Amino acid sequence: TGYGLFTGRNVDTKNFKMLYGLFQHYNYWNNSTFELGMITFGGGAV
């Protein structure tokens, strides 16, 4: 599983920092309980 930034901008103050933008995600789970895999695109903030 993971995600990567497509494009974004930063906010930087004294004690608060943030990156927000558009991300791509890829998720893959495959075990004896469940299988779940997907490609996703959307907004996010770090």
ModelCIF file with pLDDT and N, C-alpha, C, O atoms, coordinates in Angstrom:
data_MODEL
#
_entry.id   MODEL 
#
_entity.id                         1 
_entity.type                       polymer 
_entity.pdbx_number_of_molecules   1 
#
_entity_poly.entity_id                      1 
_entity_poly.type                           'polypeptide(L)' 
_entity_poly.nstd_linkage                   no 
_entity_poly.nstd_monomer                   no 
_entity_poly.pdbx_seq_one_letter_code       TGYGLFTGRNVDTKNFKMLYGLFQHYNYWNNSTFELGMITFGGGAV 
_entity_poly.pdbx_seq_one_letter_code_can   TGYGLFTGRNVDTKNFKMLYGLFQHYNYWNNSTFELGMITFGGGAV 
_entity_poly.pdbx_strand_id                 A 
#
loop_
_entity_poly_seq.entity_id 
_entity_poly_seq.num 
_entity_poly_seq.mon_id 
_entity_poly_seq.hetero 
1 1  THR n 
1 2  GLY n 
1 3  TYR n 
1 4  GLY n 
1 5  LEU n 
1 6  PHE n 
1 7  THR n 
1 8  GLY n 
1 9  ARG n 
1 10 ASN n 
1 11 VAL n 
1 12 ASP n 
1 13 THR n 
1 14 LYS n 
1 15 ASN n 
1 16 PHE n 
1 17 LYS n 
1 18 MET n 
1 19 LEU n 
1 20 TYR n 
1 21 GLY n 
1 22 LEU n 
1 23 PHE n 
1 24 GLN n 
1 25 HIS n 
1 26 TYR n 
1 27 ASN n 
1 28 TYR n 
1 29 TRP n 
1 30 ASN n 
1 31 ASN n 
1 32 SER n 
1 33 THR n 
1 34 PHE n 
1 35 GLU n 
1 36 LEU n 
1 37 GLY n 
1 38 MET n 
1 39 ILE n 
1 40 THR n 
1 41 PHE n 
1 42 GLY n 
1 43 GLY n 
1 44 GLY n 
1 45 ALA n 
1 46 VAL n 
#
_struct_asym.id          A 
_struct_asym.entity_id   1 
#
loop_
_ma_qa_metric.id 
_ma_qa_metric.mode 
_ma_qa_metric.name 
_ma_qa_metric.software_group_id 
_ma_qa_metric.type 
1 global pLDDT . pLDDT 
2 local  pLDDT . pLDDT 
#
_ma_qa_metric_global.metric_id      1 
_ma_qa_metric_global.metric_value   95.00 
_ma_qa_metric_global.model_id       1 
_ma_qa_metric_global.ordinal_id     1 
#
loop_
_ma_qa_metric_local.label_asym_id 
_ma_qa_metric_local.label_comp_id 
_ma_qa_metric_local.label_seq_id 
_ma_qa_metric_local.metric_id 
_ma_qa_metric_local.metric_value 
_ma_qa_metric_local.model_id 
_ma_qa_metric_local.ordinal_id 
A THR 1  2 96.00 1 1  
A GLY 2  2 97.00 1 2  
A TYR 3  2 98.00 1 3  
A GLY 4  2 98.00 1 4  
A LEU 5  2 98.00 1 5  
A PHE 6  2 96.00 1 6  
A THR 7  2 96.00 1 7  
A GLY 8  2 96.00 1 8  
A ARG 9  2 96.00 1 9  
A ASN 10 2 95.00 1 10 
A VAL 11 2 94.00 1 11 
A ASP 12 2 93.00 1 12 
A THR 13 2 91.00 1 13 
A LYS 14 2 86.00 1 14 
A ASN 15 2 90.00 1 15 
A PHE 16 2 95.00 1 16 
A LYS 17 2 96.00 1 17 
A MET 18 2 97.00 1 18 
A LEU 19 2 97.00 1 19 
A TYR 20 2 98.00 1 20 
A GLY 21 2 98.00 1 21 
A LEU 22 2 98.00 1 22 
A PHE 23 2 98.00 1 23 
A GLN 24 2 98.00 1 24 
A HIS 25 2 98.00 1 25 
A TYR 26 2 98.00 1 26 
A ASN 27 2 97.00 1 27 
A TYR 28 2 97.00 1 28 
A TRP 29 2 95.00 1 29 
A ASN 30 2 91.00 1 30 
A ASN 31 2 85.00 1 31 
A SER 32 2 81.00 1 32 
A THR 33 2 83.00 1 33 
A PHE 34 2 89.00 1 34 
A GLU 35 2 92.00 1 35 
A LEU 36 2 95.00 1 36 
A GLY 37 2 96.00 1 37 
A MET 38 2 96.00 1 38 
A ILE 39 2 97.00 1 39 
A THR 40 2 98.00 1 40 
A PHE 41 2 98.00 1 41 
A GLY 42 2 98.00 1 42 
A GLY 43 2 98.00 1 43 
A GLY 44 2 98.00 1 44 
A ALA 45 2 98.00 1 45 
A VAL 46 2 97.00 1 46 
#
loop_
_atom_site.group_PDB 
_atom_site.id 
_atom_site.type_symbol 
_atom_site.label_atom_id 
_atom_site.label_alt_id 
_atom_site.label_comp_id 
_atom_site.label_asym_id 
_atom_site.label_entity_id 
_atom_site.label_seq_id 
_atom_site.pdbx_PDB_ins_code 
_atom_site.Cartn_x 
_atom_site.Cartn_y 
_atom_site.Cartn_z 
_atom_site.occupancy 
_atom_site.B_iso_or_equiv 
_atom_site.pdbx_formal_charge 
_atom_site.auth_seq_id 
_atom_site.auth_comp_id 
_atom_site.auth_asym_id 
_atom_site.auth_atom_id 
_atom_site.pdbx_PDB_model_num 
ATOM 1   N N  . THR A 1 1  ? 0.830   -1.196  0.000  1.00 96.00 ? 1  THR A N  1 
ATOM 2   C CA . THR A 1 1  ? 0.000   0.000   0.000  1.00 96.00 ? 1  THR A CA 1 
ATOM 3   C C  . THR A 1 1  ? 0.867   1.250   0.000  1.00 96.00 ? 1  THR A C  1 
ATOM 4   O O  . THR A 1 1  ? 1.992   1.237   0.500  1.00 96.00 ? 1  THR A O  1 
ATOM 5   N N  . GLY A 1 2  ? 0.340   2.322   -0.560 1.00 97.00 ? 2  GLY A N  1 
ATOM 6   C CA . GLY A 1 2  ? 1.081   3.569   -0.533 1.00 97.00 ? 2  GLY A CA 1 
ATOM 7   C C  . GLY A 1 2  ? 0.375   4.666   -1.288 1.00 97.00 ? 2  GLY A C  1 
ATOM 8   O O  . GLY A 1 2  ? -0.701  4.467   -1.852 1.00 97.00 ? 2  GLY A O  1 
ATOM 9   N N  . TYR A 1 3  ? 1.003   5.841   -1.291 1.00 98.00 ? 3  TYR A N  1 
ATOM 10  C CA . TYR A 1 3  ? 0.452   6.971   -2.019 1.00 98.00 ? 3  TYR A CA 1 
ATOM 11  C C  . TYR A 1 3  ? 1.588   7.918   -2.386 1.00 98.00 ? 3  TYR A C  1 
ATOM 12  O O  . TYR A 1 3  ? 2.646   7.925   -1.757 1.00 98.00 ? 3  TYR A O  1 
ATOM 13  N N  . GLY A 1 4  ? 1.340   8.718   -3.423 1.00 98.00 ? 4  GLY A N  1 
ATOM 14  C CA . GLY A 1 4  ? 2.323   9.685   -3.864 1.00 98.00 ? 4  GLY A CA 1 
ATOM 15  C C  . GLY A 1 4  ? 1.653   10.989  -4.247 1.00 98.00 ? 4  GLY A C  1 
ATOM 16  O O  . GLY A 1 4  ? 0.516   11.002  -4.719 1.00 98.00 ? 4  GLY A O  1 
ATOM 17  N N  . LEU A 1 5  ? 2.360   12.077  -4.041 1.00 98.00 ? 5  LEU A N  1 
ATOM 18  C CA . LEU A 1 5  ? 1.850   13.405  -4.371 1.00 98.00 ? 5  LEU A CA 1 
ATOM 19  C C  . LEU A 1 5  ? 1.926   13.650  -5.874 1.00 98.00 ? 5  LEU A C  1 
ATOM 20  O O  . LEU A 1 5  ? 2.963   13.408  -6.491 1.00 98.00 ? 5  LEU A O  1 
ATOM 21  N N  . PHE A 1 6  ? 0.833   14.129  -6.466 1.00 96.00 ? 6  PHE A N  1 
ATOM 22  C CA . PHE A 1 6  ? 0.840   14.589  -7.846 1.00 96.00 ? 6  PHE A CA 1 
ATOM 23  C C  . PHE A 1 6  ? 1.248   16.058  -7.922 1.00 96.00 ? 6  PHE A C  1 
ATOM 24  O O  . PHE A 1 6  ? 2.185   16.421  -8.633 1.00 96.00 ? 6  PHE A O  1 
ATOM 25  N N  . THR A 1 7  ? 0.541   16.880  -7.191 1.00 96.00 ? 7  THR A N  1 
ATOM 26  C CA . THR A 1 7  ? 0.851   18.302  -7.147 1.00 96.00 ? 7  THR A CA 1 
ATOM 27  C C  . THR A 1 7  ? 0.325   18.869  -5.844 1.00 96.00 ? 7  THR A C  1 
ATOM 28  O O  . THR A 1 7  ? -0.674  18.379  -5.318 1.00 96.00 ? 7  THR A O  1 
ATOM 29  N N  . GLY A 1 8  ? 0.983   19.898  -5.310 1.00 96.00 ? 8  GLY A N  1 
ATOM 30  C CA . GLY A 1 8  ? 0.544   20.434  -4.044 1.00 96.00 ? 8  GLY A CA 1 
ATOM 31  C C  . GLY A 1 8  ? 1.249   21.717  -3.673 1.00 96.00 ? 8  GLY A C  1 
ATOM 32  O O  . GLY A 1 8  ? 2.130   22.192  -4.389 1.00 96.00 ? 8  GLY A O  1 
ATOM 33  N N  . ARG A 1 9  ? 0.844   22.278  -2.528 1.00 96.00 ? 9  ARG A N  1 
ATOM 34  C CA . ARG A 1 9  ? 1.423   23.502  -2.002 1.00 96.00 ? 9  ARG A CA 1 
ATOM 35  C C  . ARG A 1 9  ? 1.643   23.358  -0.511 1.00 96.00 ? 9  ARG A C  1 
ATOM 36  O O  . ARG A 1 9  ? 1.013   22.537  0.155  1.00 96.00 ? 9  ARG A O  1 
ATOM 37  N N  . ASN A 1 10 ? 2.559   24.183  0.003  1.00 95.00 ? 10 ASN A N  1 
ATOM 38  C CA . ASN A 1 10 ? 2.913   24.123  1.413  1.00 95.00 ? 10 ASN A CA 1 
ATOM 39  C C  . ASN A 1 10 ? 2.370   25.317  2.188  1.00 95.00 ? 10 ASN A C  1 
ATOM 40  O O  . ASN A 1 10 ? 2.239   26.422  1.663  1.00 95.00 ? 10 ASN A O  1 
ATOM 41  N N  . VAL A 1 11 ? 2.057   25.054  3.460  1.00 94.00 ? 11 VAL A N  1 
ATOM 42  C CA . VAL A 1 11 ? 1.726   26.082  4.435  1.00 94.00 ? 11 VAL A CA 1 
ATOM 43  C C  . VAL A 1 11 ? 2.745   25.959  5.558  1.00 94.00 ? 11 VAL A C  1 
ATOM 44  O O  . VAL A 1 11 ? 2.979   24.863  6.067  1.00 94.00 ? 11 VAL A O  1 
ATOM 45  N N  . ASP A 1 12 ? 3.354   27.078  5.951  1.00 93.00 ? 12 ASP A N  1 
ATOM 46  C CA . ASP A 1 12 ? 4.439   27.021  6.935  1.00 93.00 ? 12 ASP A CA 1 
ATOM 47  C C  . ASP A 1 12 ? 4.306   28.175  7.916  1.00 93.00 ? 12 ASP A C  1 
ATOM 48  O O  . ASP A 1 12 ? 4.502   29.333  7.549  1.00 93.00 ? 12 ASP A O  1 
ATOM 49  N N  . THR A 1 13 ? 3.974   27.857  9.166  1.00 91.00 ? 13 THR A N  1 
ATOM 50  C CA . THR A 1 13 ? 3.967   28.852  10.233 1.00 91.00 ? 13 THR A CA 1 
ATOM 51  C C  . THR A 1 13 ? 4.954   28.404  11.304 1.00 91.00 ? 13 THR A C  1 
ATOM 52  O O  . THR A 1 13 ? 5.704   27.448  11.104 1.00 91.00 ? 13 THR A O  1 
ATOM 53  N N  . LYS A 1 14 ? 4.952   29.085  12.423 1.00 86.00 ? 14 LYS A N  1 
ATOM 54  C CA . LYS A 1 14 ? 5.962   28.809  13.440 1.00 86.00 ? 14 LYS A CA 1 
ATOM 55  C C  . LYS A 1 14 ? 5.907   27.382  13.948 1.00 86.00 ? 14 LYS A C  1 
ATOM 56  O O  . LYS A 1 14 ? 6.935   26.705  13.984 1.00 86.00 ? 14 LYS A O  1 
ATOM 57  N N  . ASN A 1 15 ? 4.733   26.906  14.341 1.00 90.00 ? 15 ASN A N  1 
ATOM 58  C CA . ASN A 1 15 ? 4.611   25.558  14.919 1.00 90.00 ? 15 ASN A CA 1 
ATOM 59  C C  . ASN A 1 15 ? 3.750   24.612  14.091 1.00 90.00 ? 15 ASN A C  1 
ATOM 60  O O  . ASN A 1 15 ? 3.524   23.466  14.481 1.00 90.00 ? 15 ASN A O  1 
ATOM 61  N N  . PHE A 1 16 ? 3.271   25.096  12.943 1.00 95.00 ? 16 PHE A N  1 
ATOM 62  C CA . PHE A 1 16 ? 2.381   24.281  12.119 1.00 95.00 ? 16 PHE A CA 1 
ATOM 63  C C  . PHE A 1 16 ? 2.875   24.266  10.682 1.00 95.00 ? 16 PHE A C  1 
ATOM 64  O O  . PHE A 1 16 ? 3.154   25.312  10.096 1.00 95.00 ? 16 PHE A O  1 
ATOM 65  N N  . LYS A 1 17 ? 2.980   23.058  10.121 1.00 96.00 ? 17 LYS A N  1 
ATOM 66  C CA . LYS A 1 17 ? 3.387   22.889  8.726  1.00 96.00 ? 17 LYS A CA 1 
ATOM 67  C C  . LYS A 1 17 ? 2.404   21.957  8.047  1.00 96.00 ? 17 LYS A C  1 
ATOM 68  O O  . LYS A 1 17 ? 1.886   21.024  8.662  1.00 96.00 ? 17 LYS A O  1 
ATOM 69  N N  . MET A 1 18 ? 2.149   22.220  6.765  1.00 97.00 ? 18 MET A N  1 
ATOM 70  C CA . MET A 1 18 ? 1.196   21.372  6.038  1.00 97.00 ? 18 MET A CA 1 
ATOM 71  C C  . MET A 1 18 ? 1.528   21.357  4.553  1.00 97.00 ? 18 MET A C  1 
ATOM 72  O O  . MET A 1 18 ? 1.962   22.361  3.988  1.00 97.00 ? 18 MET A O  1 
ATOM 73  N N  . LEU A 1 19 ? 1.316   20.205  3.933  1.00 97.00 ? 19 LEU A N  1 
ATOM 74  C CA . LEU A 1 19 ? 1.334   20.046  2.481  1.00 97.00 ? 19 LEU A CA 1 
ATOM 75  C C  . LEU A 1 19 ? -0.042  19.547  2.069  1.00 97.00 ? 19 LEU A C  1 
ATOM 76  O O  . LEU A 1 19 ? -0.516  18.528  2.572  1.00 97.00 ? 19 LEU A O  1 
ATOM 77  N N  . TYR A 1 20 ? -0.679  20.265  1.157  1.00 98.00 ? 20 TYR A N  1 
ATOM 78  C CA . TYR A 1 20 ? -1.977  19.814  0.668  1.00 98.00 ? 20 TYR A CA 1 
ATOM 79  C C  . TYR A 1 20 ? -1.946  19.762  -0.854 1.00 98.00 ? 20 TYR A C  1 
ATOM 80  O O  . TYR A 1 20 ? -1.204  20.508  -1.493 1.00 98.00 ? 20 TYR A O  1 
ATOM 81  N N  . GLY A 1 21 ? -2.752  18.880  -1.427 1.00 98.00 ? 21 GLY A N  1 
ATOM 82  C CA . GLY A 1 21 ? -2.758  18.765  -2.871 1.00 98.00 ? 21 GLY A CA 1 
ATOM 83  C C  . GLY A 1 21 ? -3.490  17.528  -3.356 1.00 98.00 ? 21 GLY A C  1 
ATOM 84  O O  . GLY A 1 21 ? -4.364  16.987  -2.678 1.00 98.00 ? 21 GLY A O  1 
ATOM 85  N N  . LEU A 1 22 ? -3.109  17.097  -4.549 1.00 98.00 ? 22 LEU A N  1 
ATOM 86  C CA . LEU A 1 22 ? -3.705  15.938  -5.201 1.00 98.00 ? 22 LEU A CA 1 
ATOM 87  C C  . LEU A 1 22 ? -2.769  14.747  -5.077 1.00 98.00 ? 22 LEU A C  1 
ATOM 88  O O  . LEU A 1 22 ? -1.571  14.856  -5.336 1.00 98.00 ? 22 LEU A O  1 
ATOM 89  N N  . PHE A 1 23 ? -3.335  13.586  -4.671 1.00 98.00 ? 23 PHE A N  1 
ATOM 90  C CA . PHE A 1 23 ? -2.542  12.383  -4.436 1.00 98.00 ? 23 PHE A CA 1 
ATOM 91  C C  . PHE A 1 23 ? -3.102  11.210  -5.244 1.00 98.00 ? 23 PHE A C  1 
ATOM 92  O O  . PHE A 1 23 ? -4.295  11.151  -5.545 1.00 98.00 ? 23 PHE A O  1 
ATOM 93  N N  . GLN A 1 24 ? -2.206  10.279  -5.585 1.00 98.00 ? 24 GLN A N  1 
ATOM 94  C CA . GLN A 1 24 ? -2.614  8.974   -6.111 1.00 98.00 ? 24 GLN A CA 1 
ATOM 95  C C  . GLN A 1 24 ? -2.308  7.928   -5.054 1.00 98.00 ? 24 GLN A C  1 
ATOM 96  O O  . GLN A 1 24 ? -1.249  7.963   -4.427 1.00 98.00 ? 24 GLN A O  1 
ATOM 97  N N  . HIS A 1 25 ? -3.245  6.986   -4.852 1.00 98.00 ? 25 HIS A N  1 
ATOM 98  C CA . HIS A 1 25 ? -3.072  5.901   -3.891 1.00 98.00 ? 25 HIS A CA 1 
ATOM 99  C C  . HIS A 1 25 ? -3.145  4.558   -4.617 1.00 98.00 ? 25 HIS A C  1 
ATOM 100 O O  . HIS A 1 25 ? -3.841  4.403   -5.620 1.00 98.00 ? 25 HIS A O  1 
ATOM 101 N N  . TYR A 1 26 ? -2.402  3.595   -4.073 1.00 98.00 ? 26 TYR A N  1 
ATOM 102 C CA . TYR A 1 26 ? -2.512  2.224   -4.558 1.00 98.00 ? 26 TYR A CA 1 
ATOM 103 C C  . TYR A 1 26 ? -2.545  1.305   -3.348 1.00 98.00 ? 26 TYR A C  1 
ATOM 104 O O  . TYR A 1 26 ? -1.658  1.365   -2.497 1.00 98.00 ? 26 TYR A O  1 
ATOM 105 N N  . ASN A 1 27 ? -3.559  0.456   -3.267 1.00 97.00 ? 27 ASN A N  1 
ATOM 106 C CA . ASN A 1 27 ? -3.751  -0.418  -2.108 1.00 97.00 ? 27 ASN A CA 1 
ATOM 107 C C  . ASN A 1 27 ? -3.946  -1.863  -2.564 1.00 97.00 ? 27 ASN A C  1 
ATOM 108 O O  . ASN A 1 27 ? -4.696  -2.139  -3.501 1.00 97.00 ? 27 ASN A O  1 
ATOM 109 N N  . TYR A 1 28 ? -3.261  -2.769  -1.888 1.00 97.00 ? 28 TYR A N  1 
ATOM 110 C CA . TYR A 1 28 ? -3.353  -4.196  -2.208 1.00 97.00 ? 28 TYR A CA 1 
ATOM 111 C C  . TYR A 1 28 ? -3.267  -4.983  -0.910 1.00 97.00 ? 28 TYR A C  1 
ATOM 112 O O  . TYR A 1 28 ? -2.255  -4.934  -0.211 1.00 97.00 ? 28 TYR A O  1 
ATOM 113 N N  . TRP A 1 29 ? -4.342  -5.714  -0.589 1.00 95.00 ? 29 TRP A N  1 
ATOM 114 C CA . TRP A 1 29 ? -4.342  -6.660  0.526  1.00 95.00 ? 29 TRP A CA 1 
ATOM 115 C C  . TRP A 1 29 ? -4.760  -8.023  -0.016 1.00 95.00 ? 29 TRP A C  1 
ATOM 116 O O  . TRP A 1 29 ? -5.731  -8.138  -0.765 1.00 95.00 ? 29 TRP A O  1 
ATOM 117 N N  . ASN A 1 30 ? -4.014  -9.047  0.374  1.00 91.00 ? 30 ASN A N  1 
ATOM 118 C CA . ASN A 1 30 ? -4.310  -10.387 -0.127 1.00 91.00 ? 30 ASN A CA 1 
ATOM 119 C C  . ASN A 1 30 ? -3.919  -11.403 0.943  1.00 91.00 ? 30 ASN A C  1 
ATOM 120 O O  . ASN A 1 30 ? -2.764  -11.825 1.012  1.00 91.00 ? 30 ASN A O  1 
ATOM 121 N N  . ASN A 1 31 ? -4.880  -11.791 1.773  1.00 85.00 ? 31 ASN A N  1 
ATOM 122 C CA . ASN A 1 31 ? -4.609  -12.786 2.803  1.00 85.00 ? 31 ASN A CA 1 
ATOM 123 C C  . ASN A 1 31 ? -5.755  -13.787 2.857  1.00 85.00 ? 31 ASN A C  1 
ATOM 124 O O  . ASN A 1 31 ? -6.656  -13.754 2.020  1.00 85.00 ? 31 ASN A O  1 
ATOM 125 N N  . SER A 1 32 ? -5.717  -14.665 3.832  1.00 81.00 ? 32 SER A N  1 
ATOM 126 C CA . SER A 1 32 ? -6.721  -15.726 3.898  1.00 81.00 ? 32 SER A CA 1 
ATOM 127 C C  . SER A 1 32 ? -8.088  -15.221 4.343  1.00 81.00 ? 32 SER A C  1 
ATOM 128 O O  . SER A 1 32 ? -9.066  -15.967 4.281  1.00 81.00 ? 32 SER A O  1 
ATOM 129 N N  . THR A 1 33 ? -8.177  -13.959 4.796  1.00 83.00 ? 33 THR A N  1 
ATOM 130 C CA . THR A 1 33 ? -9.448  -13.390 5.232  1.00 83.00 ? 33 THR A CA 1 
ATOM 131 C C  . THR A 1 33 ? -10.128 -12.593 4.135  1.00 83.00 ? 33 THR A C  1 
ATOM 132 O O  . THR A 1 33 ? -11.334 -12.733 3.929  1.00 83.00 ? 33 THR A O  1 
ATOM 133 N N  . PHE A 1 34 ? -9.379  -11.759 3.428  1.00 89.00 ? 34 PHE A N  1 
ATOM 134 C CA . PHE A 1 34 ? -9.993  -10.921 2.404  1.00 89.00 ? 34 PHE A CA 1 
ATOM 135 C C  . PHE A 1 34 ? -8.982  -10.531 1.331  1.00 89.00 ? 34 PHE A C  1 
ATOM 136 O O  . PHE A 1 34 ? -7.773  -10.528 1.563  1.00 89.00 ? 34 PHE A O  1 
ATOM 137 N N  . GLU A 1 35 ? -9.505  -10.202 0.153  1.00 92.00 ? 35 GLU A N  1 
ATOM 138 C CA . GLU A 1 35 ? -8.732  -9.637  -0.948 1.00 92.00 ? 35 GLU A CA 1 
ATOM 139 C C  . GLU A 1 35 ? -9.300  -8.253  -1.261 1.00 92.00 ? 35 GLU A C  1 
ATOM 140 O O  . GLU A 1 35 ? -10.510 -8.094  -1.419 1.00 92.00 ? 35 GLU A O  1 
ATOM 141 N N  . LEU A 1 36 ? -8.436  -7.271  -1.348 1.00 95.00 ? 36 LEU A N  1 
ATOM 142 C CA . LEU A 1 36 ? -8.876  -5.910  -1.630 1.00 95.00 ? 36 LEU A CA 1 
ATOM 143 C C  . LEU A 1 36 ? -7.742  -5.168  -2.327 1.00 95.00 ? 36 LEU A C  1 
ATOM 144 O O  . LEU A 1 36 ? -6.660  -5.001  -1.764 1.00 95.00 ? 36 LEU A O  1 
ATOM 145 N N  . GLY A 1 37 ? -7.996  -4.730  -3.543 1.00 96.00 ? 37 GLY A N  1 
ATOM 146 C CA . GLY A 1 37 ? -7.004  -3.967  -4.286 1.00 96.00 ? 37 GLY A CA 1 
ATOM 147 C C  . GLY A 1 37 ? -7.667  -2.815  -4.998 1.00 96.00 ? 37 GLY A C  1 
ATOM 148 O O  . GLY A 1 37 ? -8.795  -2.944  -5.473 1.00 96.00 ? 37 GLY A O  1 
ATOM 149 N N  . MET A 1 38 ? -6.967  -1.659  -5.082 1.00 96.00 ? 38 MET A N  1 
ATOM 150 C CA . MET A 1 38 ? -7.623  -0.515  -5.717 1.00 96.00 ? 38 MET A CA 1 
ATOM 151 C C  . MET A 1 38 ? -6.635  0.574   -6.093 1.00 96.00 ? 38 MET A C  1 
ATOM 152 O O  . MET A 1 38 ? -5.545  0.687   -5.533 1.00 96.00 ? 38 MET A O  1 
ATOM 153 N N  . ILE A 1 39 ? -7.061  1.367   -7.062 1.00 97.00 ? 39 ILE A N  1 
ATOM 154 C CA . ILE A 1 39 ? -6.384  2.585   -7.483 1.00 97.00 ? 39 ILE A CA 1 
ATOM 155 C C  . ILE A 1 39 ? -7.298  3.743   -7.124 1.00 97.00 ? 39 ILE A C  1 
ATOM 156 O O  . ILE A 1 39 ? -8.493  3.690   -7.415 1.00 97.00 ? 39 ILE A O  1 
ATOM 157 N N  . THR A 1 40 ? -6.766  4.791   -6.498 1.00 98.00 ? 40 THR A N  1 
ATOM 158 C CA . THR A 1 40 ? -7.601  5.931   -6.122 1.00 98.00 ? 40 THR A CA 1 
ATOM 159 C C  . THR A 1 40 ? -6.881  7.243   -6.407 1.00 98.00 ? 40 THR A C  1 
ATOM 160 O O  . THR A 1 40 ? -5.651  7.295   -6.431 1.00 98.00 ? 40 THR A O  1 
ATOM 161 N N  . PHE A 1 41 ? -7.663  8.307   -6.623 1.00 98.00 ? 41 PHE A N  1 
ATOM 162 C CA . PHE A 1 41 ? -7.156  9.659   -6.829 1.00 98.00 ? 41 PHE A CA 1 
ATOM 163 C C  . PHE A 1 41 ? -8.005  10.629  -6.013 1.00 98.00 ? 41 PHE A C  1 
ATOM 164 O O  . PHE A 1 41 ? -9.228  10.493  -5.963 1.00 98.00 ? 41 PHE A O  1 
ATOM 165 N N  . GLY A 1 42 ? -7.365  11.602  -5.377 1.00 98.00 ? 42 GLY A N  1 
ATOM 166 C CA . GLY A 1 42 ? -8.145  12.579  -4.639 1.00 98.00 ? 42 GLY A CA 1 
ATOM 167 C C  . GLY A 1 42 ? -7.287  13.572  -3.884 1.00 98.00 ? 42 GLY A C  1 
ATOM 168 O O  . GLY A 1 42 ? -6.063  13.581  -4.008 1.00 98.00 ? 42 GLY A O  1 
ATOM 169 N N  . GLY A 1 43 ? -7.946  14.404  -3.104 1.00 98.00 ? 43 GLY A N  1 
ATOM 170 C CA . GLY A 1 43 ? -7.265  15.429  -2.340 1.00 98.00 ? 43 GLY A CA 1 
ATOM 171 C C  . GLY A 1 43 ? -6.807  14.922  -0.997 1.00 98.00 ? 43 GLY A C  1 
ATOM 172 O O  . GLY A 1 43 ? -7.324  13.935  -0.474 1.00 98.00 ? 43 GLY A O  1 
ATOM 173 N N  . GLY A 1 44 ? -5.818  15.619  -0.443 1.00 98.00 ? 44 GLY A N  1 
ATOM 174 C CA . GLY A 1 44 ? -5.308  15.228  0.859  1.00 98.00 ? 44 GLY A CA 1 
ATOM 175 C C  . GLY A 1 44 ? -4.447  16.308  1.467  1.00 98.00 ? 44 GLY A C  1 
ATOM 176 O O  . GLY A 1 44 ? -4.058  17.265  0.797  1.00 98.00 ? 44 GLY A O  1 
ATOM 177 N N  . ALA A 1 45 ? -4.150  16.146  2.750  1.00 98.00 ? 45 ALA A N  1 
ATOM 178 C CA . ALA A 1 45 ? -3.308  17.090  3.469  1.00 98.00 ? 45 ALA A CA 1 
ATOM 179 C C  . ALA A 1 45 ? -2.430  16.334  4.457  1.00 98.00 ? 45 ALA A C  1 
ATOM 180 O O  . ALA A 1 45 ? -2.900  15.438  5.158  1.00 98.00 ? 45 ALA A O  1 
ATOM 181 N N  . VAL A 1 46 ? -1.153  16.702  4.507  1.00 97.00 ? 46 VAL A N  1 
ATOM 182 C CA . VAL A 1 46 ? -0.166  16.140  5.422  1.00 97.00 ? 46 VAL A CA 1 
ATOM 183 C C  . VAL A 1 46 ? 0.255   17.265  6.354  1.00 97.00 ? 46 VAL A C  1 
ATOM 184 O O  . VAL A 1 46 ? 1.090   17.057  7.235  1.00 97.00 ? 46 VAL A O  1 
#
